[in-house]
Amino acid sequence: MRYLPNLIPKESRVLTNYFKGDIYRSRKKTGPRGVFGWIFGIFFLLGAFAELPHPPLAFFYGLLGIMLLPPGHL
């Protein structure tokens, strides 16, 4: 099967800009939200190391710390 570029006429198209741009481009977190994300993420990761004698709590703190870091956001 080949791609037919003008199969649907322009006046009948519904989603004209649907396939334009990169949907996988990540936005940088700037401002106070990004700073607080880094601060709280590192805080919970350090808390995970402090709670190593209690593995479930350490796992919870580590997971929470990774999710709060700006690169950890989906």
Protein backbone atom coordinates (compact mmCIF):
# COMPACT_ATOMS: atom_id res chain seq x y z
CA MET A 1 0.00 0.00 0.00
CA ARG A 2 1.22 3.44 -0.88
CA TYR A 3 0.57 6.75 0.79
CA LEU A 4 -1.83 8.94 -1.15
CA PRO A 5 -1.24 12.54 0.00
CA ASN A 6 -4.46 14.18 -1.21
CA LEU A 7 -6.96 11.37 -0.81
CA ILE A 8 -9.31 13.54 1.31
CA PRO A 9 -10.11 17.02 -0.06
CA LYS A 10 -8.95 19.98 2.08
CA GLU A 11 -12.49 21.17 2.85
CA SER A 12 -13.44 17.71 4.20
CA ARG A 13 -10.45 17.19 6.50
CA VAL A 14 -11.25 17.13 10.20
CA LEU A 15 -7.85 17.01 11.91
CA THR A 16 -5.68 19.19 9.69
CA ASN A 17 -2.78 19.71 12.13
CA TYR A 18 -2.97 16.34 13.88
CA PHE A 19 0.27 14.90 12.48
CA LYS A 20 2.35 18.06 12.67
CA GLY A 21 5.00 18.55 15.29
CA ASP A 22 6.78 16.15 17.59
CA ILE A 23 4.52 14.75 20.33
CA TYR A 24 7.51 13.17 22.08
CA ARG A 25 9.31 16.45 22.67
CA SER A 26 9.72 17.04 26.36
CA ARG A 27 9.10 20.41 27.88
CA LYS A 28 11.62 21.78 30.32
CA LYS A 29 10.29 22.54 33.77
CA THR A 30 11.26 26.09 34.54
CA GLY A 31 10.46 28.38 37.37
CA PRO A 32 9.42 27.49 40.90
CA ARG A 33 7.69 24.25 39.92
CA GLY A 34 10.90 22.80 38.48
CA VAL A 35 12.98 23.97 41.44
CA PHE A 36 10.57 22.49 43.97
CA GLY A 37 10.50 19.26 41.98
CA TRP A 38 14.28 18.95 42.25
CA ILE A 39 14.34 19.88 45.95
CA PHE A 40 11.59 17.49 47.02
CA GLY A 41 12.83 14.73 44.70
CA ILE A 42 16.33 14.82 46.19
CA PHE A 43 14.85 15.08 49.68
CA PHE A 44 12.85 11.88 49.22
CA LEU A 45 15.77 10.06 47.58
CA LEU A 46 17.95 10.91 50.57
CA GLY A 47 15.11 9.74 52.80
CA ALA A 48 15.15 6.43 50.95
CA PHE A 49 18.81 5.96 51.87
CA ALA A 50 18.05 6.88 55.49
CA GLU A 51 15.28 4.25 55.62
CA LEU A 52 17.32 1.33 54.24
CA PRO A 53 16.72 -0.75 57.40
CA HIS A 54 12.99 -0.62 56.51
CA PRO A 55 12.84 -1.84 52.87
CA PRO A 56 9.15 -1.13 52.10
CA LEU A 57 9.43 2.44 53.35
CA ALA A 58 12.75 2.94 51.53
CA PHE A 59 11.17 1.66 48.30
CA PHE A 60 8.23 4.04 48.76
CA TYR A 61 10.48 7.06 49.39
CA GLY A 62 12.72 6.15 46.45
CA LEU A 63 9.79 5.77 44.10
CA LEU A 64 8.28 9.04 45.28
CA GLY A 65 11.64 10.81 44.88
CA ILE A 66 12.05 9.56 41.30
CA MET A 67 8.52 10.61 40.40
CA LEU A 68 9.04 14.11 41.82
CA LEU A 69 12.25 14.80 39.89
CA PRO A 70 11.51 16.69 36.67
CA PRO A 71 13.24 14.08 34.44
CA GLY A 72 11.07 11.41 36.11
CA HIS A 73 7.83 12.92 34.82
CA LEU A 74 6.12 11.22 31.93
